[in-house]
Each structure stands twice: as structure tokens, then as C-alpha cells.
Amino acid sequence: MFNRKTGFVSGMLLLSATACFAQANGQATAVIPAGASLKLRAASVNAVSYQWLKDGVVIPDAVNIEYAAFLPGVYTVISYNTNGCASHISDPLLLTGGSVLTLSADVMITKSSENKSITVNDAFEYQLQVKNNGAGVANSVKVQDILPENMVLEQLLHPSIGFADYAAGTRTVLWQIPKLENGESAMLRIKVKPLKPGVLENTATVTANEVDPNLANNTSTNRKSVSDLFIPNVFTPNGDGKNDAFVITGLERYPENELSIFNRWGSAVMEKKPYKNDWDGSQLTEGTYFYLIKVKMANNTWEVYKGFITIIR
């Protein structure tokens, strides 16, 4: 079936012999482009009305000088002058159908995570982005993302398209999108919290009802390093011997490190390189400050941790 919504693509002259007035002779064949139509035009002289025929049968309401042919067949036309005199029927024009173009969907997925250093129990977000790269519509799109054992789901945010749910028993996020048009994309954010240090690795997959010509982009894996540091958000330097210093658990494993403390105006109020878990905040008033910690890893790269620390006396 040809798509009648597609615009006309070219013109074809039908030339007919005349009885009462001139209309030139001619015959031809042509191909209707797949999914389109072909504009036919009568080349008559002094004609005021027309009647188009397909396979020798009158086409209802086809009475103008032009006719848009959507279907294969043999087309002819009769022309009439102001006196109602009819021409001979034109020589036939044989139209055949072009190859049907099969439109396929090509769904792809990209999984990424927040660009920040993560410690145990430090929540962060994954971002899933799905896109249809194909020429056709992708229907019943499904995304699956199985979370690792050493991670808990904090929040499943509302996707930009479709609906998402989490099955705790299988640790699976299922995101369903009824339809993705060509070039359309959608996004889902997942907030999680790691329970153990190490490298978090998990893969998201996407499928659709249509046959996918490129399966290589139907999966996306994200790897996230979780530090074994524990950075508190409050300490109480009141001299009672409990929590009197800003102690970062696990920092002793990273002898090359730096600590900077900033006030609310962004000015550095304390800097130590290396830091040895001995800052008691004695020169500062109670309040909340911003910290920036850098540690050198075994592979000689630096991990950076940012956050807020509150001093309470």
C-alpha cells in the first residue's frame, strides 16, 4: 500500500490524439516511487475539462488537468473543449510500483553516572538515555538495568517518556516506552547508594518490537569506583575526647593527600598537605564549611572528594 500522505515527486505528460481539437500523440512507462505518488498532466490544447481513467475504468472525480497516481496501472485521459467536444482517448501510460522501502528502528542506550568521586554510603545518580536512530518508529521499547548486589536503590525518578518500576526481588529496573519516533530520545535518572568499596559495574539493555539492524548499541555498561574512605559530615571539638577532630576513616591508606577547608564566601580557611586526621577546627567558629579532599591512588591518579562539614561545640 502506498502512503497517500507523501508529496508528489514529479510530473508526467499524457499526450492524446484529438477528434475536435489538437492533443499530441505519445506513450510512455514510468515508475511510482516507493511510498510516494506520481503527478500526471494532460497536454491538451484548448481543453477546459478532463476525465482520467485507470485500466480503462473512469476514475471518479478525476476531472482536472492533473491527477496524482498512487497505484500501478494503465492510465489514460480524455479532454473536452468549451463546446463539450471530446478528444480521442490518450495513448496509455503504464505505471509500475517502485521497490517498497522497509523502515526499521535502531534503538540505542547510553548509561552514565555522575562525574564525582564516590565513597561508601555516598548516594549518586545514574542516567539512562535511549534514542531511536532508525528511519522507522520504535514500538514497545523496554529498558532493563540490573543493579549490583553491593548497591541499594535510593530513588527512581520519573522518566521523560514512559514509565519505570523497580523489582526488588530481582534488583531490576524496568523502563517501558510505548513509542519512540525517528530521532526521538528519552531519559531516566536512578539514584543509588553503594554499600562496599570497589568497582561498581552494571549493564543496561534496550529492545523494541522491530528488528534492530544494529545490536551493538543496544547495551551500555558503566563502571564506577567507590572509595574505602569514610568522610563524616560533622564533628564536635569540645574537648570531651569524643569526635574532637575531623577524622577521615581510611585516609591512612593514602599518604599522599591534601585537605582544604573553605568558608561560605569561598575563602580557604585551612589547608594541609598531607592531612593526618588532626584538624580540630579550633581557629573557626561553629558552622558549616566546604571541604575538598584529594588522594593519590595506586595508579598515580588523583581522586577528588567534595562536601560539607559542620563544626558543633
C-alpha atoms as a PDB file:
ATOM      1  CA  MET A   1       0.000   0.000   0.000  1.00  0.00           C
ATOM      2  CA  PHE A   2       1.393   3.386  -0.966  1.00  0.00           C
ATOM      3  CA  ASN A   3       1.462   6.243   1.528  1.00  0.00           C
ATOM      4  CA  ARG A   4      -1.018   8.866   0.354  1.00  0.00           C
ATOM      5  CA  LYS A   5       0.439  11.447   2.731  1.00  0.00           C
ATOM      6  CA  THR A   6       3.669  11.656   0.750  1.00  0.00           C
ATOM      7  CA  GLY A   7       4.039  14.681  -1.523  1.00  0.00           C
ATOM      8  CA  PHE A   8       4.085  14.477  -5.293  1.00  0.00           C
ATOM      9  CA  VAL A   9       7.503  13.878  -6.718  1.00  0.00           C
ATOM     10  CA  SER A  10       7.421  14.679 -10.436  1.00  0.00           C
ATOM     11  CA  GLY A  11       5.190  15.409 -13.429  1.00  0.00           C
ATOM     12  CA  MET A  12       4.366  13.121 -16.381  1.00  0.00           C
ATOM     13  CA  LEU A  13       2.695  14.358 -19.567  1.00  0.00           C
ATOM     14  CA  LEU A  14      -0.027  12.211 -21.147  1.00  0.00           C
ATOM     15  CA  LEU A  15      -0.371  13.024 -24.833  1.00  0.00           C
ATOM     16  CA  SER A  16      -3.609  12.128 -26.628  1.00  0.00           C
ATOM     17  CA  ALA A  17      -4.847  12.298 -30.184  1.00  0.00           C
ATOM     18  CA  THR A  18      -7.789  14.579 -30.849  1.00  0.00           C
ATOM     19  CA  ALA A  19     -11.152  14.401 -32.539  1.00  0.00           C
ATOM     20  CA  CYS A  20     -12.382  18.003 -32.176  1.00  0.00           C
ATOM     21  CA  PHE A  21      -9.107  19.767 -31.360  1.00  0.00           C
ATOM     22  CA  ALA A  22      -5.393  19.243 -31.108  1.00  0.00           C
ATOM     23  CA  GLN A  23      -3.814  16.986 -28.484  1.00  0.00           C
ATOM     24  CA  ALA A  24      -0.420  15.466 -29.319  1.00  0.00           C
ATOM     25  CA  ASN A  25       0.348  11.743 -29.540  1.00  0.00           C
ATOM     26  CA  GLY A  26       2.714   9.818 -27.312  1.00  0.00           C
ATOM     27  CA  GLN A  27       3.061   6.845 -24.990  1.00  0.00           C
ATOM     28  CA  ALA A  28       5.397   6.004 -22.137  1.00  0.00           C
ATOM     29  CA  THR A  29       6.045   3.993 -18.994  1.00  0.00           C
ATOM     30  CA  ALA A  30       7.033   5.282 -15.590  1.00  0.00           C
ATOM     31  CA  VAL A  31       7.671   4.083 -12.054  1.00  0.00           C
ATOM     32  CA  ILE A  32       5.825   5.361  -8.991  1.00  0.00           C
ATOM     33  CA  PRO A  33       8.466   5.919  -6.293  1.00  0.00           C
ATOM     34  CA  ALA A  34       8.023   3.704  -3.249  1.00  0.00           C
ATOM     35  CA  GLY A  35       5.791   5.333  -0.673  1.00  0.00           C
ATOM     36  CA  ALA A  36       5.065   8.330  -2.952  1.00  0.00           C
ATOM     37  CA  SER A  37       2.834   9.360  -5.843  1.00  0.00           C
ATOM     38  CA  LEU A  38       3.366  10.487  -9.432  1.00  0.00           C
ATOM     39  CA  LYS A  39       1.703  13.620 -10.810  1.00  0.00           C
ATOM     40  CA  LEU A  40       0.165  13.087 -14.233  1.00  0.00           C
ATOM     41  CA  ARG A  41      -0.704  16.033 -16.506  1.00  0.00           C
ATOM     42  CA  ALA A  42      -2.729  16.118 -19.717  1.00  0.00           C
ATOM     43  CA  ALA A  43      -1.025  18.001 -22.560  1.00  0.00           C
ATOM     44  CA  SER A  44      -4.076  19.256 -24.386  1.00  0.00           C
ATOM     45  CA  VAL A  45      -4.691  22.427 -26.385  1.00  0.00           C
ATOM     46  CA  ASN A  46      -7.835  24.484 -25.724  1.00  0.00           C
ATOM     47  CA  ALA A  47      -9.181  21.913 -23.244  1.00  0.00           C
ATOM     48  CA  VAL A  48     -11.303  23.064 -20.303  1.00  0.00           C
ATOM     49  CA  SER A  49     -12.172  19.759 -18.616  1.00  0.00           C
ATOM     50  CA  TYR A  50     -10.805  16.234 -18.388  1.00  0.00           C
ATOM     51  CA  GLN A  51     -11.613  12.675 -17.403  1.00  0.00           C
ATOM     52  CA  TRP A  52      -8.933  10.323 -16.166  1.00  0.00           C
ATOM     53  CA  LEU A  53      -9.156   6.538 -16.465  1.00  0.00           C
ATOM     54  CA  LYS A  54      -7.240   3.680 -14.864  1.00  0.00           C
ATOM     55  CA  ASP A  55      -7.170   0.328 -16.634  1.00  0.00           C
ATOM     56  CA  GLY A  56      -9.972   1.581 -18.880  1.00  0.00           C
ATOM     57  CA  VAL A  57     -12.252   2.450 -15.953  1.00  0.00           C
ATOM     58  CA  VAL A  58     -13.329   6.032 -15.209  1.00  0.00           C
ATOM     59  CA  ILE A  59     -11.745   7.400 -12.023  1.00  0.00           C
ATOM     60  CA  PRO A  60     -14.490   9.275 -10.076  1.00  0.00           C
ATOM     61  CA  ASP A  61     -13.828  12.991  -9.539  1.00  0.00           C
ATOM     62  CA  ALA A  62     -10.586  12.843 -11.562  1.00  0.00           C
ATOM     63  CA  VAL A  63     -11.615  15.719 -13.827  1.00  0.00           C
ATOM     64  CA  ASN A  64      -8.703  18.181 -13.613  1.00  0.00           C
ATOM     65  CA  ILE A  65      -5.733  18.672 -15.877  1.00  0.00           C
ATOM     66  CA  GLU A  66      -3.549  16.945 -13.284  1.00  0.00           C
ATOM     67  CA  TYR A  67      -4.030  13.673 -11.445  1.00  0.00           C
ATOM     68  CA  ALA A  68      -1.949  12.161  -8.630  1.00  0.00           C
ATOM     69  CA  ALA A  69      -1.426   8.453  -9.271  1.00  0.00           C
ATOM     70  CA  PHE A  70      -0.656   6.363  -6.194  1.00  0.00           C
ATOM     71  CA  LEU A  71      -1.264   2.886  -7.625  1.00  0.00           C
ATOM     72  CA  PRO A  72       0.297   0.948 -10.520  1.00  0.00           C
ATOM     73  CA  GLY A  73      -1.840   0.531 -13.651  1.00  0.00           C
ATOM     74  CA  VAL A  74      -2.531   1.831 -17.150  1.00  0.00           C
ATOM     75  CA  TYR A  75      -3.639   5.480 -17.139  1.00  0.00           C
ATOM     76  CA  THR A  76      -5.336   7.422 -19.928  1.00  0.00           C
ATOM     77  CA  VAL A  77      -7.180  10.734 -20.186  1.00  0.00           C
ATOM     78  CA  ILE A  78      -9.919  12.310 -22.332  1.00  0.00           C
ATOM     79  CA  SER A  79     -10.001  16.093 -22.844  1.00  0.00           C
ATOM     80  CA  TYR A  80     -13.025  18.330 -23.544  1.00  0.00           C
ATOM     81  CA  ASN A  81     -13.137  21.802 -25.104  1.00  0.00           C
ATOM     82  CA  THR A  82     -15.579  24.638 -24.393  1.00  0.00           C
ATOM     83  CA  ASN A  83     -18.122  23.104 -26.810  1.00  0.00           C
ATOM     84  CA  GLY A  84     -18.046  19.787 -24.980  1.00  0.00           C
ATOM     85  CA  CYS A  85     -16.243  18.116 -27.820  1.00  0.00           C
ATOM     86  CA  ALA A  86     -14.095  15.209 -26.612  1.00  0.00           C
ATOM     87  CA  SER A  87     -10.651  14.227 -27.785  1.00  0.00           C
ATOM     88  CA  HIS A  88      -9.705  10.696 -28.623  1.00  0.00           C
ATOM     89  CA  ILE A  89      -8.556   8.787 -25.586  1.00  0.00           C
ATOM     90  CA  SER A  90      -4.876   9.406 -24.967  1.00  0.00           C
ATOM     91  CA  ASP A  91      -2.186   6.862 -25.556  1.00  0.00           C
ATOM     92  CA  PRO A  92      -1.745   4.763 -22.415  1.00  0.00           C
ATOM     93  CA  LEU A  93       0.809   5.417 -19.746  1.00  0.00           C
ATOM     94  CA  LEU A  94       1.900   2.309 -17.865  1.00  0.00           C
ATOM     95  CA  LEU A  95       2.834   2.970 -14.238  1.00  0.00           C
ATOM     96  CA  THR A  96       4.622   0.376 -12.165  1.00  0.00           C
ATOM     97  CA  GLY A  97       5.410   0.419  -8.439  1.00  0.00           C
ATOM     98  CA  GLY A  98       8.903   1.050  -7.165  1.00  0.00           C
ATOM     99  CA  SER A  99      10.591  -1.105  -4.570  1.00  0.00           C
ATOM    100  CA  VAL A 100       8.994  -0.732  -1.167  1.00  0.00           C
ATOM    101  CA  LEU A 101      11.397   0.776   1.328  1.00  0.00           C
ATOM    102  CA  THR A 102      11.276  -1.051   4.639  1.00  0.00           C
ATOM    103  CA  LEU A 103      11.727   1.381   7.521  1.00  0.00           C
ATOM    104  CA  SER A 104      13.423  -0.094  10.564  1.00  0.00           C
ATOM    105  CA  ALA A 105      14.038   1.211  14.062  1.00  0.00           C
ATOM    106  CA  ASP A 106      17.508   1.343  15.612  1.00  0.00           C
ATOM    107  CA  VAL A 107      17.275   1.843  19.364  1.00  0.00           C
ATOM    108  CA  MET A 108      20.424   2.640  21.329  1.00  0.00           C
ATOM    109  CA  ILE A 109      21.154   3.191  25.021  1.00  0.00           C
ATOM    110  CA  THR A 110      23.819   5.110  26.906  1.00  0.00           C
ATOM    111  CA  LYS A 111      24.360   4.640  30.641  1.00  0.00           C
ATOM    112  CA  SER A 112      26.438   7.194  32.546  1.00  0.00           C
ATOM    113  CA  SER A 113      26.977   8.248  36.164  1.00  0.00           C
ATOM    114  CA  GLU A 114      27.698  11.480  37.977  1.00  0.00           C
ATOM    115  CA  ASN A 115      31.196  12.785  37.373  1.00  0.00           C
ATOM    116  CA  LYS A 116      32.287  12.838  41.001  1.00  0.00           C
ATOM    117  CA  SER A 117      34.273  10.665  43.389  1.00  0.00           C
ATOM    118  CA  ILE A 118      32.132   8.336  45.482  1.00  0.00           C
ATOM    119  CA  THR A 119      32.652   6.813  48.907  1.00  0.00           C
ATOM    120  CA  VAL A 120      30.697   4.099  50.710  1.00  0.00           C
ATOM    121  CA  ASN A 121      27.133   5.227  51.538  1.00  0.00           C
ATOM    122  CA  ASP A 122      27.572   8.290  49.322  1.00  0.00           C
ATOM    123  CA  ALA A 123      24.498   8.489  47.052  1.00  0.00           C
ATOM    124  CA  PHE A 124      24.898   9.306  43.374  1.00  0.00           C
ATOM    125  CA  GLU A 125      22.845   9.160  40.168  1.00  0.00           C
ATOM    126  CA  TYR A 126      22.924   7.011  37.074  1.00  0.00           C
ATOM    127  CA  GLN A 127      21.481   8.423  33.865  1.00  0.00           C
ATOM    128  CA  LEU A 128      19.956   6.222  31.165  1.00  0.00           C
ATOM    129  CA  GLN A 129      19.396   7.780  27.731  1.00  0.00           C
ATOM    130  CA  VAL A 130      17.557   5.930  24.969  1.00  0.00           C
ATOM    131  CA  LYS A 131      17.396   7.106  21.356  1.00  0.00           C
ATOM    132  CA  ASN A 132      15.878   5.818  18.120  1.00  0.00           C
ATOM    133  CA  ASN A 133      18.433   6.233  15.342  1.00  0.00           C
ATOM    134  CA  GLY A 134      16.377   4.346  12.751  1.00  0.00           C
ATOM    135  CA  ALA A 135      14.149   5.693   9.997  1.00  0.00           C
ATOM    136  CA  GLY A 136      11.112   3.861  11.377  1.00  0.00           C
ATOM    137  CA  VAL A 137       9.178   4.161  14.627  1.00  0.00           C
ATOM    138  CA  ALA A 138      10.316   2.040  17.574  1.00  0.00           C
ATOM    139  CA  ASN A 139       7.361   0.483  19.413  1.00  0.00           C
ATOM    140  CA  SER A 140       7.160  -1.136  22.869  1.00  0.00           C
ATOM    141  CA  VAL A 141      10.659  -0.040  23.852  1.00  0.00           C
ATOM    142  CA  LYS A 142      11.913  -1.787  27.002  1.00  0.00           C
ATOM    143  CA  VAL A 143      14.978  -0.948  29.090  1.00  0.00           C
ATOM    144  CA  GLN A 144      16.358  -3.269  31.769  1.00  0.00           C
ATOM    145  CA  ASP A 145      19.012  -2.347  34.313  1.00  0.00           C
ATOM    146  CA  ILE A 146      20.013  -4.902  36.982  1.00  0.00           C
ATOM    147  CA  LEU A 147      21.684  -3.248  39.967  1.00  0.00           C
ATOM    148  CA  PRO A 148      24.756  -4.884  41.575  1.00  0.00           C
ATOM    149  CA  GLU A 149      24.454  -6.680  44.917  1.00  0.00           C
ATOM    150  CA  ASN A 150      26.557  -4.086  46.778  1.00  0.00           C
ATOM    151  CA  MET A 151      24.205  -1.242  45.877  1.00  0.00           C
ATOM    152  CA  VAL A 152      20.776  -0.115  47.068  1.00  0.00           C
ATOM    153  CA  LEU A 153      18.184   1.892  45.181  1.00  0.00           C
ATOM    154  CA  GLU A 154      17.530   5.275  46.785  1.00  0.00           C
ATOM    155  CA  GLN A 155      15.088   6.772  44.277  1.00  0.00           C
ATOM    156  CA  LEU A 156      13.702   6.021  40.833  1.00  0.00           C
ATOM    157  CA  LEU A 157      12.962   9.377  39.259  1.00  0.00           C
ATOM    158  CA  HIS A 158      10.129   9.893  36.781  1.00  0.00           C
ATOM    159  CA  PRO A 159      11.333   9.263  33.204  1.00  0.00           C
ATOM    160  CA  SER A 160      10.885  11.872  30.474  1.00  0.00           C
ATOM    161  CA  ILE A 161       8.783   9.379  28.459  1.00  0.00           C
ATOM    162  CA  GLY A 162       7.016   6.182  29.529  1.00  0.00           C
ATOM    163  CA  PHE A 163       7.007   4.662  32.999  1.00  0.00           C
ATOM    164  CA  ALA A 164       9.595   2.874  35.155  1.00  0.00           C
ATOM    165  CA  ASP A 165       9.393   0.404  38.043  1.00  0.00           C
ATOM    166  CA  TYR A 166      11.808  -1.490  40.281  1.00  0.00           C
ATOM    167  CA  ALA A 167      11.532  -5.175  41.201  1.00  0.00           C
ATOM    168  CA  ALA A 168      13.401  -5.587  44.499  1.00  0.00           C
ATOM    169  CA  GLY A 169      13.468  -9.388  44.254  1.00  0.00           C
ATOM    170  CA  THR A 170      15.488  -9.355  41.017  1.00  0.00           C
ATOM    171  CA  ARG A 171      17.074  -5.924  41.645  1.00  0.00           C
ATOM    172  CA  THR A 172      15.854  -4.913  38.182  1.00  0.00           C
ATOM    173  CA  VAL A 173      14.793  -1.501  36.914  1.00  0.00           C
ATOM    174  CA  LEU A 174      12.291  -1.906  34.068  1.00  0.00           C
ATOM    175  CA  TRP A 175      11.575   1.175  31.947  1.00  0.00           C
ATOM    176  CA  GLN A 176       8.864   0.899  29.280  1.00  0.00           C
ATOM    177  CA  ILE A 177       8.295   3.407  26.478  1.00  0.00           C
ATOM    178  CA  PRO A 178       5.238   2.866  24.228  1.00  0.00           C
ATOM    179  CA  LYS A 179       6.794   4.555  21.182  1.00  0.00           C
ATOM    180  CA  LEU A 180       9.921   6.410  20.063  1.00  0.00           C
ATOM    181  CA  GLU A 181       9.790   8.329  16.795  1.00  0.00           C
ATOM    182  CA  ASN A 182      12.783   8.612  14.471  1.00  0.00           C
ATOM    183  CA  GLY A 183      15.455  10.730  16.183  1.00  0.00           C
ATOM    184  CA  GLU A 184      13.500  10.909  19.453  1.00  0.00           C
ATOM    185  CA  SER A 185      15.267  10.305  22.759  1.00  0.00           C
ATOM    186  CA  ALA A 186      14.207   9.757  26.369  1.00  0.00           C
ATOM    187  CA  MET A 187      15.926   9.894  29.752  1.00  0.00           C
ATOM    188  CA  LEU A 188      15.663   8.186  33.137  1.00  0.00           C
ATOM    189  CA  ARG A 189      17.630   9.020  36.298  1.00  0.00           C
ATOM    190  CA  ILE A 190      18.293   6.454  39.025  1.00  0.00           C
ATOM    191  CA  LYS A 191      19.612   7.450  42.456  1.00  0.00           C
ATOM    192  CA  VAL A 192      21.627   4.713  44.204  1.00  0.00           C
ATOM    193  CA  LYS A 193      23.925   4.218  47.189  1.00  0.00           C
ATOM    194  CA  PRO A 194      26.961   1.888  47.294  1.00  0.00           C
ATOM    195  CA  LEU A 195      27.426  -0.337  50.332  1.00  0.00           C
ATOM    196  CA  LYS A 196      31.015  -1.514  49.825  1.00  0.00           C
ATOM    197  CA  PRO A 197      34.194  -0.127  48.287  1.00  0.00           C
ATOM    198  CA  GLY A 198      35.380  -1.360  44.931  1.00  0.00           C
ATOM    199  CA  VAL A 199      34.309  -1.008  41.310  1.00  0.00           C
ATOM    200  CA  LEU A 200      30.582  -0.963  40.607  1.00  0.00           C
ATOM    201  CA  GLU A 201      29.765  -2.369  37.178  1.00  0.00           C
ATOM    202  CA  ASN A 202      26.367  -2.941  35.636  1.00  0.00           C
ATOM    203  CA  THR A 203      24.870  -3.018  32.163  1.00  0.00           C
ATOM    204  CA  ALA A 204      21.605  -1.598  30.837  1.00  0.00           C
ATOM    205  CA  THR A 205      19.929  -3.056  27.737  1.00  0.00           C
ATOM    206  CA  VAL A 206      17.221  -1.790  25.370  1.00  0.00           C
ATOM    207  CA  THR A 207      14.921  -3.638  22.958  1.00  0.00           C
ATOM    208  CA  ALA A 208      11.941  -2.796  20.741  1.00  0.00           C
ATOM    209  CA  ASN A 209       9.314  -4.733  18.782  1.00  0.00           C
ATOM    210  CA  GLU A 210      11.020  -4.020  15.473  1.00  0.00           C
ATOM    211  CA  VAL A 211      14.015  -5.924  14.092  1.00  0.00           C
ATOM    212  CA  ASP A 212      17.069  -3.872  15.081  1.00  0.00           C
ATOM    213  CA  PRO A 213      19.751  -3.524  12.362  1.00  0.00           C
ATOM    214  CA  ASN A 214      22.473  -2.584  14.871  1.00  0.00           C
ATOM    215  CA  LEU A 215      22.582  -4.636  18.072  1.00  0.00           C
ATOM    216  CA  ALA A 216      25.978  -3.249  19.068  1.00  0.00           C
ATOM    217  CA  ASN A 217      24.385  -0.135  20.609  1.00  0.00           C
ATOM    218  CA  ASN A 218      21.630  -1.987  22.500  1.00  0.00           C
ATOM    219  CA  THR A 219      23.738  -2.319  25.658  1.00  0.00           C
ATOM    220  CA  SER A 220      25.740   0.146  27.728  1.00  0.00           C
ATOM    221  CA  THR A 221      27.967  -0.612  30.726  1.00  0.00           C
ATOM    222  CA  ASN A 222      29.003   1.867  33.400  1.00  0.00           C
ATOM    223  CA  ARG A 223      31.911   1.348  35.786  1.00  0.00           C
ATOM    224  CA  LYS A 224      32.097   3.423  38.954  1.00  0.00           C
ATOM    225  CA  SER A 225      34.906   3.358  41.502  1.00  0.00           C
ATOM    226  CA  VAL A 226      33.787   3.509  45.158  1.00  0.00           C
ATOM    227  CA  SER A 227      36.427   4.613  47.624  1.00  0.00           C
ATOM    228  CA  ASP A 228      37.016   2.945  51.001  1.00  0.00           C
ATOM    229  CA  LEU A 229      37.168   6.360  52.679  1.00  0.00           C
ATOM    230  CA  PHE A 230      34.521   7.441  55.148  1.00  0.00           C
ATOM    231  CA  ILE A 231      34.170  11.220  55.374  1.00  0.00           C
ATOM    232  CA  PRO A 232      31.968  12.456  58.239  1.00  0.00           C
ATOM    233  CA  ASN A 233      29.704  15.474  57.836  1.00  0.00           C
ATOM    234  CA  VAL A 234      30.014  16.719  61.421  1.00  0.00           C
ATOM    235  CA  PHE A 235      32.496  16.724  64.315  1.00  0.00           C
ATOM    236  CA  THR A 236      32.349  18.175  67.838  1.00  0.00           C
ATOM    237  CA  PRO A 237      35.649  19.687  69.053  1.00  0.00           C
ATOM    238  CA  ASN A 238      34.527  20.346  72.660  1.00  0.00           C
ATOM    239  CA  GLY A 239      37.399  18.634  74.479  1.00  0.00           C
ATOM    240  CA  ASP A 240      35.428  15.616  75.714  1.00  0.00           C
ATOM    241  CA  GLY A 241      37.737  13.222  73.852  1.00  0.00           C
ATOM    242  CA  LYS A 242      34.973  12.085  71.518  1.00  0.00           C
ATOM    243  CA  ASN A 243      34.799  13.161  67.876  1.00  0.00           C
ATOM    244  CA  ASP A 244      37.087  16.122  68.621  1.00  0.00           C
ATOM    245  CA  ALA A 245      38.786  16.092  65.194  1.00  0.00           C
ATOM    246  CA  PHE A 246      37.846  15.799  61.564  1.00  0.00           C
ATOM    247  CA  VAL A 247      38.778  12.135  61.106  1.00  0.00           C
ATOM    248  CA  ILE A 248      38.535  10.588  57.656  1.00  0.00           C
ATOM    249  CA  THR A 249      38.422   6.827  58.091  1.00  0.00           C
ATOM    250  CA  GLY A 250      40.739   5.027  55.682  1.00  0.00           C
ATOM    251  CA  LEU A 251      42.846   8.111  54.883  1.00  0.00           C
ATOM    252  CA  GLU A 252      45.939   6.390  56.312  1.00  0.00           C
ATOM    253  CA  ARG A 253      45.943   4.168  53.222  1.00  0.00           C
ATOM    254  CA  TYR A 254      46.588   7.248  51.083  1.00  0.00           C
ATOM    255  CA  PRO A 255      49.686   9.010  52.461  1.00  0.00           C
ATOM    256  CA  GLU A 256      49.732  11.441  49.537  1.00  0.00           C
ATOM    257  CA  ASN A 257      46.684  13.577  50.159  1.00  0.00           C
ATOM    258  CA  GLU A 258      45.504  17.154  50.528  1.00  0.00           C
ATOM    259  CA  LEU A 259      42.736  18.789  52.561  1.00  0.00           C
ATOM    260  CA  SER A 260      41.319  22.292  52.037  1.00  0.00           C
ATOM    261  CA  ILE A 261      38.533  23.906  54.063  1.00  0.00           C
ATOM    262  CA  PHE A 262      36.554  26.887  52.743  1.00  0.00           C
ATOM    263  CA  ASN A 263      34.092  29.257  54.414  1.00  0.00           C
ATOM    264  CA  ARG A 264      30.723  30.302  52.972  1.00  0.00           C
ATOM    265  CA  TRP A 265      32.355  33.036  50.908  1.00  0.00           C
ATOM    266  CA  GLY A 266      34.714  30.592  49.218  1.00  0.00           C
ATOM    267  CA  SER A 267      37.856  31.672  51.045  1.00  0.00           C
ATOM    268  CA  ALA A 268      40.300  28.979  52.168  1.00  0.00           C
ATOM    269  CA  VAL A 269      40.474  28.890  55.992  1.00  0.00           C
ATOM    270  CA  MET A 270      42.625  25.770  56.377  1.00  0.00           C
ATOM    271  CA  GLU A 271      44.928  23.781  54.097  1.00  0.00           C
ATOM    272  CA  LYS A 272      47.058  20.738  54.922  1.00  0.00           C
ATOM    273  CA  LYS A 273      49.269  18.623  52.691  1.00  0.00           C
ATOM    274  CA  PRO A 274      49.297  15.822  53.688  1.00  0.00           C
ATOM    275  CA  TYR A 275      46.428  15.726  56.152  1.00  0.00           C
ATOM    276  CA  LYS A 276      46.788  13.367  59.112  1.00  0.00           C
ATOM    277  CA  ASN A 277      43.322  13.431  60.683  1.00  0.00           C
ATOM    278  CA  ASP A 278      44.400  16.033  63.233  1.00  0.00           C
ATOM    279  CA  TRP A 279      42.363  19.159  62.452  1.00  0.00           C
ATOM    280  CA  ASP A 280      40.137  20.236  65.368  1.00  0.00           C
ATOM    281  CA  GLY A 281      38.726  23.421  63.871  1.00  0.00           C
ATOM    282  CA  SER A 282      39.975  25.441  66.841  1.00  0.00           C
ATOM    283  CA  GLN A 283      40.526  28.603  64.809  1.00  0.00           C
ATOM    284  CA  LEU A 284      36.972  28.554  63.393  1.00  0.00           C
ATOM    285  CA  THR A 285      33.550  29.333  64.801  1.00  0.00           C
ATOM    286  CA  GLU A 286      30.698  26.886  64.795  1.00  0.00           C
ATOM    287  CA  GLY A 287      29.056  26.462  61.422  1.00  0.00           C
ATOM    288  CA  THR A 288      29.155  24.607  58.140  1.00  0.00           C
ATOM    289  CA  TYR A 289      32.203  24.657  55.873  1.00  0.00           C
ATOM    290  CA  PHE A 290      33.055  23.217  52.495  1.00  0.00           C
ATOM    291  CA  TYR A 291      35.836  20.626  52.213  1.00  0.00           C
ATOM    292  CA  LEU A 292      37.931  19.495  49.266  1.00  0.00           C
ATOM    293  CA  ILE A 293      39.973  16.314  49.690  1.00  0.00           C
ATOM    294  CA  LYS A 294      42.434  14.923  47.163  1.00  0.00           C
ATOM    295  CA  VAL A 295      44.036  11.473  47.467  1.00  0.00           C
ATOM    296  CA  LYS A 296      46.592   9.860  45.183  1.00  0.00           C
ATOM    297  CA  MET A 297      45.579   6.382  44.069  1.00  0.00           C
ATOM    298  CA  ALA A 298      47.812   3.400  43.351  1.00  0.00           C
ATOM    299  CA  ASN A 299      47.683   4.138  39.614  1.00  0.00           C
ATOM    300  CA  ASN A 300      49.065   7.668  40.277  1.00  0.00           C
ATOM    301  CA  THR A 301      45.745   9.354  39.517  1.00  0.00           C
ATOM    302  CA  TRP A 302      44.110  11.748  41.973  1.00  0.00           C
ATOM    303  CA  GLU A 303      40.603  11.245  43.300  1.00  0.00           C
ATOM    304  CA  VAL A 304      38.778  14.371  44.461  1.00  0.00           C
ATOM    305  CA  TYR A 305      36.041  14.424  47.131  1.00  0.00           C
ATOM    306  CA  LYS A 306      33.872  17.433  47.888  1.00  0.00           C
ATOM    307  CA  GLY A 307      31.262  18.081  50.517  1.00  0.00           C
ATOM    308  CA  PHE A 308      30.266  19.929  53.670  1.00  0.00           C
ATOM    309  CA  ILE A 309      31.494  19.545  57.233  1.00  0.00           C
ATOM    310  CA  THR A 310      29.701  21.073  60.231  1.00  0.00           C
ATOM    311  CA  ILE A 311      31.507  22.096  63.433  1.00  0.00           C
ATOM    312  CA  ILE A 312      29.460  21.864  66.643  1.00  0.00           C
ATOM    313  CA  ARG A 313      30.926  22.649  70.039  1.00  0.00           C
END
